[in-house]
PDB file of N, CA and C in Angstrom:
ATOM      1  N   UNK A   1      10.305  -5.548 -16.282  1.00  0.00           N
ATOM      2  CA  UNK A   1       9.096  -4.806 -16.618  1.00  0.00           C
ATOM      3  C   UNK A   1       8.014  -4.995 -15.552  1.00  0.00           C
ATOM      4  N   UNK A   2       8.040  -6.139 -14.861  1.00  0.00           N
ATOM      5  CA  UNK A   2       7.009  -6.374 -13.853  1.00  0.00           C
ATOM      6  C   UNK A   2       7.171  -5.436 -12.658  1.00  0.00           C
ATOM      7  N   UNK A   3       8.404  -5.046 -12.334  1.00  0.00           N
ATOM      8  CA  UNK A   3       8.607  -4.108 -11.226  1.00  0.00           C
ATOM      9  C   UNK A   3       8.058  -2.735 -11.600  1.00  0.00           C
ATOM     10  N   UNK A   4       8.282  -2.318 -12.821  1.00  0.00           N
ATOM     11  CA  UNK A   4       7.745  -1.038 -13.281  1.00  0.00           C
ATOM     12  C   UNK A   4       6.219  -1.046 -13.253  1.00  0.00           C
ATOM     13  N   UNK A   5       5.627  -2.138 -13.692  1.00  0.00           N
ATOM     14  CA  UNK A   5       4.172  -2.270 -13.672  1.00  0.00           C
ATOM     15  C   UNK A   5       3.653  -2.224 -12.235  1.00  0.00           C
ATOM     16  N   UNK A   6       4.341  -2.883 -11.309  1.00  0.00           N
ATOM     17  CA  UNK A   6       3.931  -2.869  -9.907  1.00  0.00           C
ATOM     18  C   UNK A   6       4.002  -1.456  -9.337  1.00  0.00           C
ATOM     19  N   UNK A   7       5.012  -0.683  -9.714  1.00  0.00           N
ATOM     20  CA  UNK A   7       5.136   0.695  -9.240  1.00  0.00           C
ATOM     21  C   UNK A   7       3.989   1.550  -9.777  1.00  0.00           C
ATOM     22  N   UNK A   8       3.666   1.398 -11.055  1.00  0.00           N
ATOM     23  CA  UNK A   8       2.577   2.183 -11.645  1.00  0.00           C
ATOM     24  C   UNK A   8       1.244   1.823 -11.001  1.00  0.00           C
ATOM     25  N   UNK A   9       0.970   0.545 -10.873  1.00  0.00           N
ATOM     26  CA  UNK A   9      -0.283   0.102 -10.231  1.00  0.00           C
ATOM     27  C   UNK A   9      -0.303   0.546  -8.771  1.00  0.00           C
ATOM     28  N   UNK A  10       0.828   0.469  -8.083  1.00  0.00           N
ATOM     29  CA  UNK A  10       0.894   0.902  -6.687  1.00  0.00           C
ATOM     30  C   UNK A  10       0.641   2.379  -6.524  1.00  0.00           C
ATOM     31  N   UNK A  11       1.115   3.178  -7.465  1.00  0.00           N
ATOM     32  CA  UNK A  11       0.863   4.611  -7.446  1.00  0.00           C
ATOM     33  C   UNK A  11      -0.632   4.894  -7.506  1.00  0.00           C
ATOM     34  N   UNK A  12      -1.305   4.269  -8.455  1.00  0.00           N
ATOM     35  CA  UNK A  12      -2.755   4.462  -8.602  1.00  0.00           C
ATOM     36  C   UNK A  12      -3.493   3.863  -7.402  1.00  0.00           C
ATOM     37  N   UNK A  13      -3.039   2.705  -6.934  1.00  0.00           N
ATOM     38  CA  UNK A  13      -3.690   2.058  -5.789  1.00  0.00           C
ATOM     39  C   UNK A  13      -3.554   2.895  -4.524  1.00  0.00           C
ATOM     40  N   UNK A  14      -2.428   3.572  -4.345  1.00  0.00           N
ATOM     41  CA  UNK A  14      -2.250   4.441  -3.178  1.00  0.00           C
ATOM     42  C   UNK A  14      -3.205   5.608  -3.188  1.00  0.00           C
ATOM     43  N   UNK A  15      -3.416   6.189  -4.362  1.00  0.00           N
ATOM     44  CA  UNK A  15      -4.363   7.303  -4.469  1.00  0.00           C
ATOM     45  C   UNK A  15      -5.782   6.823  -4.179  1.00  0.00           C
ATOM     46  N   UNK A  16      -6.151   5.673  -4.724  1.00  0.00           N
ATOM     47  CA  UNK A  16      -7.494   5.135  -4.487  1.00  0.00           C
ATOM     48  C   UNK A  16      -7.665   4.726  -3.028  1.00  0.00           C
ATOM     49  N   UNK A  17      -6.633   4.140  -2.438  1.00  0.00           N
ATOM     50  CA  UNK A  17      -6.715   3.742  -1.025  1.00  0.00           C
ATOM     51  C   UNK A  17      -6.907   4.948  -0.124  1.00  0.00           C
ATOM     52  N   UNK A  18      -6.314   6.075  -0.487  1.00  0.00           N
ATOM     53  CA  UNK A  18      -6.499   7.293   0.300  1.00  0.00           C
ATOM     54  C   UNK A  18      -7.953   7.761   0.243  1.00  0.00           C
ATOM     55  N   UNK A  19      -8.585   7.601  -0.934  1.00  0.00           N
ATOM     56  CA  UNK A  19      -9.998   7.968  -1.040  1.00  0.00           C
ATOM     57  C   UNK A  19     -10.892   6.982  -0.294  1.00  0.00           C
ATOM     58  N   UNK A  20     -10.484   5.716  -0.244  1.00  0.00           N
ATOM     59  CA  UNK A  20     -11.275   4.702   0.464  1.00  0.00           C
ATOM     60  C   UNK A  20     -11.140   4.889   1.972  1.00  0.00           C
ATOM     61  N   UNK A  21      -9.934   5.223   2.433  1.00  0.00           N
ATOM     62  CA  UNK A  21      -9.656   5.324   3.867  1.00  0.00           C
ATOM     63  C   UNK A  21      -9.280   6.746   4.266  1.00  0.00           C
ATOM     64  N   UNK A  22     -10.151   7.715   4.108  1.00  0.00           N
ATOM     65  CA  UNK A  22      -9.792   9.063   4.554  1.00  0.00           C
ATOM     66  C   UNK A  22      -9.828   9.126   6.073  1.00  0.00           C
ATOM     67  N   UNK A  23      -9.035   9.978   6.635  1.00  0.00           N
ATOM     68  CA  UNK A  23      -9.030  10.122   8.088  1.00  0.00           C
ATOM     69  C   UNK A  23      -7.797  10.835   8.555  1.00  0.00           C
ATOM     70  N   UNK A  24      -7.764  11.113   9.815  1.00  0.00           N
ATOM     71  CA  UNK A  24      -6.646  11.876  10.363  1.00  0.00           C
ATOM     72  C   UNK A  24      -5.446  10.991  10.683  1.00  0.00           C
ATOM     73  N   UNK A  25      -5.623   9.679  10.786  1.00  0.00           N
ATOM     74  CA  UNK A  25      -4.513   8.805  11.142  1.00  0.00           C
ATOM     75  C   UNK A  25      -3.621   8.462   9.956  1.00  0.00           C
ATOM     76  N   UNK A  26      -4.154   8.551   8.739  1.00  0.00           N
ATOM     77  CA  UNK A  26      -3.360   8.233   7.572  1.00  0.00           C
ATOM     78  C   UNK A  26      -2.530   9.446   7.179  1.00  0.00           C
ATOM     79  N   UNK A  27      -1.458   9.201   6.428  1.00  0.00           N
ATOM     80  CA  UNK A  27      -0.638  10.336   6.013  1.00  0.00           C
ATOM     81  C   UNK A  27      -1.415  11.252   5.073  1.00  0.00           C
ATOM     82  N   UNK A  28      -1.206  12.543   5.220  1.00  0.00           N
ATOM     83  CA  UNK A  28      -1.979  13.487   4.422  1.00  0.00           C
ATOM     84  C   UNK A  28      -1.239  13.928   3.175  1.00  0.00           C
ATOM     85  N   UNK A  29       0.045  13.676   3.085  1.00  0.00           N
ATOM     86  CA  UNK A  29       0.811  14.093   1.929  1.00  0.00           C
ATOM     87  C   UNK A  29       0.594  13.172   0.738  1.00  0.00           C
ATOM     88  N   UNK A  30       0.533  13.771  -0.431  1.00  0.00           N
ATOM     89  CA  UNK A  30       0.306  13.015  -1.651  1.00  0.00           C
ATOM     90  C   UNK A  30       1.462  12.056  -1.936  1.00  0.00           C
ATOM     91  N   UNK A  31       2.685  12.529  -1.737  1.00  0.00           N
ATOM     92  CA  UNK A  31       3.855  11.703  -2.040  1.00  0.00           C
ATOM     93  C   UNK A  31       3.946  10.520  -1.080  1.00  0.00           C
ATOM     94  N   UNK A  32       3.740  10.764   0.207  1.00  0.00           N
ATOM     95  CA  UNK A  32       3.797   9.679   1.177  1.00  0.00           C
ATOM     96  C   UNK A  32       2.687   8.666   0.939  1.00  0.00           C
ATOM     97  N   UNK A  33       1.510   9.130   0.575  1.00  0.00           N
ATOM     98  CA  UNK A  33       0.401   8.227   0.282  1.00  0.00           C
ATOM     99  C   UNK A  33       0.719   7.345  -0.913  1.00  0.00           C
ATOM    100  N   UNK A  34       1.289   7.920  -1.955  1.00  0.00           N
ATOM    101  CA  UNK A  34       1.602   7.114  -3.129  1.00  0.00           C
ATOM    102  C   UNK A  34       2.758   6.161  -2.862  1.00  0.00           C
ATOM    103  N   UNK A  35       3.727   6.573  -2.039  1.00  0.00           N
ATOM    104  CA  UNK A  35       4.810   5.655  -1.677  1.00  0.00           C
ATOM    105  C   UNK A  35       4.259   4.474  -0.895  1.00  0.00           C
ATOM    106  N   UNK A  36       3.367   4.731   0.039  1.00  0.00           N
ATOM    107  CA  UNK A  36       2.747   3.636   0.784  1.00  0.00           C
ATOM    108  C   UNK A  36       1.885   2.767  -0.128  1.00  0.00           C
ATOM    109  N   UNK A  37       1.283   3.359  -1.154  1.00  0.00           N
ATOM    110  CA  UNK A  37       0.540   2.570  -2.134  1.00  0.00           C
ATOM    111  C   UNK A  37       1.443   1.654  -2.929  1.00  0.00           C
ATOM    112  N   UNK A  38       2.619   2.155  -3.290  1.00  0.00           N
ATOM    113  CA  UNK A  38       3.586   1.319  -3.998  1.00  0.00           C
ATOM    114  C   UNK A  38       4.063   0.180  -3.100  1.00  0.00           C
ATOM    115  N   UNK A  39       4.311   0.489  -1.836  1.00  0.00           N
ATOM    116  CA  UNK A  39       4.695  -0.552  -0.875  1.00  0.00           C
ATOM    117  C   UNK A  39       3.570  -1.581  -0.748  1.00  0.00           C
ATOM    118  N   UNK A  40       2.321  -1.113  -0.715  1.00  0.00           N
ATOM    119  CA  UNK A  40       1.182  -2.030  -0.654  1.00  0.00           C
ATOM    120  C   UNK A  40       1.093  -2.929  -1.872  1.00  0.00           C
ATOM    121  N   UNK A  41       1.421  -2.399  -3.047  1.00  0.00           N
ATOM    122  CA  UNK A  41       1.414  -3.218  -4.257  1.00  0.00           C
ATOM    123  C   UNK A  41       2.505  -4.273  -4.198  1.00  0.00           C
ATOM    124  N   UNK A  42       3.670  -3.902  -3.685  1.00  0.00           N
ATOM    125  CA  UNK A  42       4.735  -4.887  -3.541  1.00  0.00           C
ATOM    126  C   UNK A  42       4.374  -5.948  -2.500  1.00  0.00           C
ATOM    127  N   UNK A  43       3.720  -5.539  -1.423  1.00  0.00           N
ATOM    128  CA  UNK A  43       3.275  -6.501  -0.410  1.00  0.00           C
ATOM    129  C   UNK A  43       2.247  -7.461  -1.006  1.00  0.00           C
ATOM    130  N   UNK A  44       1.305  -6.924  -1.774  1.00  0.00           N
ATOM    131  CA  UNK A  44       0.295  -7.774  -2.406  1.00  0.00           C
ATOM    132  C   UNK A  44       0.937  -8.728  -3.410  1.00  0.00           C
ATOM    133  N   UNK A  45       1.933  -8.257  -4.150  1.00  0.00           N
ATOM    134  CA  UNK A  45       2.639  -9.122  -5.093  1.00  0.00           C
ATOM    135  C   UNK A  45       3.379 -10.225  -4.358  1.00  0.00           C
ATOM    136  N   UNK A  46       4.087  -9.870  -3.293  1.00  0.00           N
ATOM    137  CA  UNK A  46       4.841 -10.857  -2.530  1.00  0.00           C
ATOM    138  C   UNK A  46       3.917 -11.904  -1.910  1.00  0.00           C
ATOM    139  N   UNK A  47       2.832 -11.448  -1.285  1.00  0.00           N
ATOM    140  CA  UNK A  47       1.907 -12.396  -0.660  1.00  0.00           C
ATOM    141  C   UNK A  47       1.218 -13.271  -1.706  1.00  0.00           C
ATOM    142  N   UNK A  48       0.850 -12.687  -2.836  1.00  0.00           N
ATOM    143  CA  UNK A  48       0.219 -13.462  -3.897  1.00  0.00           C
ATOM    144  C   UNK A  48       1.142 -14.518  -4.464  1.00  0.00           C
ATOM    145  N   UNK A  49       2.421 -14.194  -4.625  1.00  0.00           N
ATOM    146  CA  UNK A  49       3.379 -15.185  -5.102  1.00  0.00           C
ATOM    147  C   UNK A  49       3.652 -16.244  -4.048  1.00  0.00           C
ATOM    148  N   UNK A  50       3.686 -15.846  -2.783  1.00  0.00           N
ATOM    149  CA  UNK A  50       3.927 -16.804  -1.705  1.00  0.00           C
ATOM    150  C   UNK A  50       2.760 -17.778  -1.551  1.00  0.00           C
ATOM    151  N   UNK A  51       1.545 -17.290  -1.795  1.00  0.00           N
ATOM    152  CA  UNK A  51       0.372 -18.148  -1.675  1.00  0.00           C
ATOM    153  C   UNK A  51       0.066 -18.922  -2.959  1.00  0.00           C
ATOM    154  N   UNK A  52       0.815 -18.648  -4.009  1.00  0.00           N
ATOM    155  CA  UNK A  52       0.624 -19.366  -5.259  1.00  0.00           C
ATOM    156  C   UNK A  52      -0.436 -18.776  -6.165  1.00  0.00           C
ATOM    157  N   UNK A  53      -0.893 -17.566  -5.863  1.00  0.00           N
ATOM    158  CA  UNK A  53      -1.909 -16.928  -6.698  1.00  0.00           C
ATOM    159  C   UNK A  53      -1.303 -16.373  -7.977  1.00  0.00           C
ATOM    160  N   UNK A  54      -0.037 -15.958  -7.903  1.00  0.00           N
ATOM    161  CA  UNK A  54       0.658 -15.384  -9.050  1.00  0.00           C
ATOM    162  C   UNK A  54       1.913 -16.194  -9.327  1.00  0.00           C
ATOM    163  N   UNK A  55       2.330 -16.182 -10.575  1.00  0.00           N
ATOM    164  CA  UNK A  55       3.563 -16.841 -10.964  1.00  0.00           C
ATOM    165  C   UNK A  55       4.768 -16.014 -10.568  1.00  0.00           C
ATOM    166  N   UNK A  56       5.972 -16.555 -10.831  1.00  0.00           N
ATOM    167  CA  UNK A  56       7.193 -15.838 -10.431  1.00  0.00           C
ATOM    168  C   UNK A  56       7.366 -14.480 -11.097  1.00  0.00           C
ATOM    169  N   UNK A  57       6.884 -14.302 -12.294  1.00  0.00           N
ATOM    170  CA  UNK A  57       7.057 -13.027 -12.992  1.00  0.00           C
ATOM    171  C   UNK A  57       5.777 -12.222 -13.085  1.00  0.00           C
ATOM    172  N   UNK A  58       4.793 -12.565 -12.307  1.00  0.00           N
ATOM    173  CA  UNK A  58       3.525 -11.844 -12.331  1.00  0.00           C
ATOM    174  C   UNK A  58       3.428 -10.917 -11.125  1.00  0.00           C
ATOM    175  N   UNK A  59       2.822  -9.769 -11.352  1.00  0.00           N
ATOM    176  CA  UNK A  59       2.568  -8.835 -10.268  1.00  0.00           C
ATOM    177  C   UNK A  59       1.136  -8.965  -9.781  1.00  0.00           C
ATOM    178  N   UNK A  60       0.859  -8.296  -8.703  1.00  0.00           N
ATOM    179  CA  UNK A  60      -0.490  -8.312  -8.156  1.00  0.00           C
ATOM    180  C   UNK A  60      -1.428  -7.556  -9.080  1.00  0.00           C
ATOM    181  N   UNK A  61      -2.663  -7.944  -9.061  1.00  0.00           N
ATOM    182  CA  UNK A  61      -3.666  -7.245  -9.843  1.00  0.00           C
ATOM    183  C   UNK A  61      -4.046  -5.932  -9.194  1.00  0.00           C
ATOM    184  N   UNK A  62      -4.888  -5.212  -9.857  1.00  0.00           N
ATOM    185  CA  UNK A  62      -5.260  -3.883  -9.386  1.00  0.00           C
ATOM    186  C   UNK A  62      -6.012  -3.945  -8.062  1.00  0.00           C
ATOM    187  N   UNK A  63      -6.975  -4.828  -7.949  1.00  0.00           N
ATOM    188  CA  UNK A  63      -7.776  -4.918  -6.717  1.00  0.00           C
ATOM    189  C   UNK A  63      -6.906  -5.366  -5.551  1.00  0.00           C
ATOM    190  N   UNK A  64      -6.038  -6.344  -5.778  1.00  0.00           N
ATOM    191  CA  UNK A  64      -5.142  -6.801  -4.709  1.00  0.00           C
ATOM    192  C   UNK A  64      -4.195  -5.689  -4.287  1.00  0.00           C
ATOM    193  N   UNK A  65      -3.760  -4.868  -5.235  1.00  0.00           N
ATOM    194  CA  UNK A  65      -2.880  -3.749  -4.897  1.00  0.00           C
ATOM    195  C   UNK A  65      -3.605  -2.702  -4.069  1.00  0.00           C
ATOM    196  N   UNK A  66      -4.857  -2.443  -4.372  1.00  0.00           N
ATOM    197  CA  UNK A  66      -5.642  -1.492  -3.575  1.00  0.00           C
ATOM    198  C   UNK A  66      -5.833  -2.036  -2.163  1.00  0.00           C
ATOM    199  N   UNK A  67      -6.123  -3.325  -2.041  1.00  0.00           N
ATOM    200  CA  UNK A  67      -6.282  -3.927  -0.712  1.00  0.00           C
ATOM    201  C   UNK A  67      -4.958  -3.863   0.052  1.00  0.00           C
ATOM    202  N   UNK A  68      -3.852  -4.183  -0.621  1.00  0.00           N
ATOM    203  CA  UNK A  68      -2.539  -4.090   0.018  1.00  0.00           C
ATOM    204  C   UNK A  68      -2.216  -2.675   0.450  1.00  0.00           C
ATOM    205  N   UNK A  69      -2.562  -1.692  -0.386  1.00  0.00           N
ATOM    206  CA  UNK A  69      -2.321  -0.296  -0.035  1.00  0.00           C
ATOM    207  C   UNK A  69      -3.170   0.122   1.155  1.00  0.00           C
ATOM    208  N   UNK A  70      -4.408  -0.326   1.220  1.00  0.00           N
ATOM    209  CA  UNK A  70      -5.266  -0.011   2.371  1.00  0.00           C
ATOM    210  C   UNK A  70      -4.690  -0.601   3.649  1.00  0.00           C
ATOM    211  N   UNK A  71      -4.174  -1.814   3.553  1.00  0.00           N
ATOM    212  CA  UNK A  71      -3.585  -2.457   4.730  1.00  0.00           C
ATOM    213  C   UNK A  71      -2.346  -1.697   5.193  1.00  0.00           C
ATOM    214  N   UNK A  72      -1.482  -1.318   4.240  1.00  0.00           N
ATOM    215  CA  UNK A  72      -0.270  -0.575   4.598  1.00  0.00           C
ATOM    216  C   UNK A  72      -0.629   0.796   5.165  1.00  0.00           C
ATOM    217  N   UNK A  73      -1.622   1.473   4.597  1.00  0.00           N
ATOM    218  CA  UNK A  73      -2.056   2.769   5.130  1.00  0.00           C
ATOM    219  C   UNK A  73      -2.612   2.633   6.542  1.00  0.00           C
ATOM    220  N   UNK A  74      -3.365   1.573   6.803  1.00  0.00           N
ATOM    221  CA  UNK A  74      -3.914   1.355   8.141  1.00  0.00           C
ATOM    222  C   UNK A  74      -2.807   1.078   9.151  1.00  0.00           C
ATOM    223  N   UNK A  75      -1.836   0.263   8.762  1.00  0.00           N
ATOM    224  CA  UNK A  75      -0.714  -0.039   9.662  1.00  0.00           C
ATOM    225  C   UNK A  75       0.099   1.223   9.928  1.00  0.00           C
ATOM    226  N   UNK A  76       0.366   1.995   8.879  1.00  0.00           N
ATOM    227  CA  UNK A  76       1.118   3.239   9.055  1.00  0.00           C
ATOM    228  C   UNK A  76       0.370   4.212   9.961  1.00  0.00           C
ATOM    229  N   UNK A  77      -0.939   4.332   9.769  1.00  0.00           N
ATOM    230  CA  UNK A  77      -1.734   5.214  10.625  1.00  0.00           C
ATOM    231  C   UNK A  77      -1.708   4.781  12.073  1.00  0.00           C
ATOM    232  N   UNK A  78      -1.742   3.472  12.303  1.00  0.00           N
ATOM    233  CA  UNK A  78      -1.691   2.960  13.667  1.00  0.00           C
ATOM    234  C   UNK A  78      -0.332   3.233  14.304  1.00  0.00           C
ATOM    235  N   UNK A  79       0.736   2.958  13.565  1.00  0.00           N
ATOM    236  CA  UNK A  79       2.084   3.164  14.095  1.00  0.00           C
ATOM    237  C   UNK A  79       2.354   4.653  14.309  1.00  0.00           C
ATOM    238  N   UNK A  80       1.930   5.487  13.371  1.00  0.00           N
ATOM    239  CA  UNK A  80       2.159   6.926  13.494  1.00  0.00           C
ATOM    240  C   UNK A  80       1.394   7.512  14.680  1.00  0.00           C
ATOM    241  N   UNK A  81       0.176   7.033  14.919  1.00  0.00           N
ATOM    242  CA  UNK A  81      -0.594   7.568  16.047  1.00  0.00           C
ATOM    243  C   UNK A  81      -0.021   7.089  17.379  1.00  0.00           C
ATOM    244  N   UNK A  82       0.535   5.887  17.400  1.00  0.00           N
ATOM    245  CA  UNK A  82       1.139   5.379  18.642  1.00  0.00           C
ATOM    246  C   UNK A  82       2.425   6.121  18.968  1.00  0.00           C
ATOM    247  N   UNK A  83       3.223   6.422  17.941  1.00  0.00           N
ATOM    248  CA  UNK A  83       4.500   7.087  18.219  1.00  0.00           C
ATOM    249  C   UNK A  83       4.319   8.558  18.557  1.00  0.00           C
ATOM    250  N   UNK A  84       3.262   9.185  18.049  1.00  0.00           N
ATOM    251  CA  UNK A  84       3.045  10.608  18.353  1.00  0.00           C
ATOM    252  C   UNK A  84       2.378  10.806  19.702  1.00  0.00           C
ATOM    253  N   UNK A  85       1.793   9.763  20.273  1.00  0.00           N
ATOM    254  CA  UNK A  85       1.118   9.919  21.561  1.00  0.00           C
ATOM    255  C   UNK A  85       2.040   9.651  22.739  1.00  0.00           C
ATOM    256  N   UNK A  86       3.267   9.236  22.475  1.00  0.00           N
ATOM    257  CA  UNK A  86       4.212   8.992  23.567  1.00  0.00           C
ATOM    258  C   UNK A  86       4.739  10.313  24.115  1.00  0.00           C
ATOM    259  N   UNK A  87       4.938  10.325  25.422  1.00  0.00           N
ATOM    260  CA  UNK A  87       5.531  11.500  26.064  1.00  0.00           C
ATOM    261  C   UNK A  87       6.901  11.118  26.584  1.00  0.00           C
ATOM    262  N   UNK A  88       7.833  12.004  26.419  1.00  0.00           N
ATOM    263  CA  UNK A  88       9.204  11.724  26.858  1.00  0.00           C
ATOM    264  C   UNK A  88       9.603  12.645  27.950  1.00  0.00           C
TER     265      UNK A  88
END
């Protein structure tokens, strides 16, 4: 059940992260944004468990998931802009 909860929170966190970090470098598609939000929630859960903030069966909270989603969106925007600027 904790994985399902992380997916739901990540979905909402991805949408909120898109509103917090609007710009041309982030993905513009709704589905890609929410997938990156879910990835951010999983990253926040993993880091929180590794740092001892959460127990083994606990997921990241809403604020941590939004922060994780913002970080993943920023990294994706950076990587996407670097790969599109290369000339072959």
